């Protein structure tokens, strides 16, 4: 079956590497929701290389197991980071998602993807790249731990619904109200179920173009979220705040016996469950 051609993420290198002792002064929990204002986005106090993925908080019954698994993920991530010029992320005892609410449920394959998405990083120029080149999908595929045993080689283990948002802000538009609405819509989506991850980028400093994306357990979950009040408000604010705003839809698939996640454009019909 045709798979996604994956290219390793390129390290960001703008100057001499910062020493570990200096870098630790600026380390932050990678799953704490950043606070943004007009000033912090358009005139940051220090360069923002990329933002971490916002992983939905897991159901209470799974949270303890997830902490143990995610701790292992971050230890492995540290070993990889030692060889490249990337921000170093410290261990943290409680790596739940950034939201106050938790997912009501999550299936085993989606839990494996949730764990693998801890490694998500955008590539340079991500806002201008095709979606399948915008992130380090090779590392995510490597981190995905398949736990489906009752399938034959070549059968579909799981599929997920993926949405990408490409945009450019209008000059002078107010960011605060949009960020507030976006956060409420995010909380709402987690509470209603199905949202595995949400990520948004830092606008290109020259063009203003940006990319955001979310991964859902199913298309039905994403469609249901569209009708929720906070999502409707956020979409109305977005329509007034952006020069352009386009959506791209994809299906992410995991086939039994393969080591790579496959990403294809969405055509029609239901996706996931």
Foldseek 3Di string as FASTA:
>chain_A
DDFQDFDAADFDDDDPADDPVVLVVPADALQADDDDFPCCQLPNPDDDPKHFWQFAFAPPVCQVVLLVLLLVVLVVVQVVVVVGRDRRHDRDNGRGGNEPDAAPHDDPQLSLLLSLSRPWDFHPVLLPDDVSHGIRQVSSLQSRDDDDDPDDAFAWPFKKKKKKKKFAWDPPQGDPVLVVLVNVLVNVLRHLHFWGIKGWTRADNPRRMIMIMTIGQKVVSVVVSCPDDSNVVSVVSRVVTTPDMDMFMWMWTDGPPDSGIHIGGDDDDMHHD
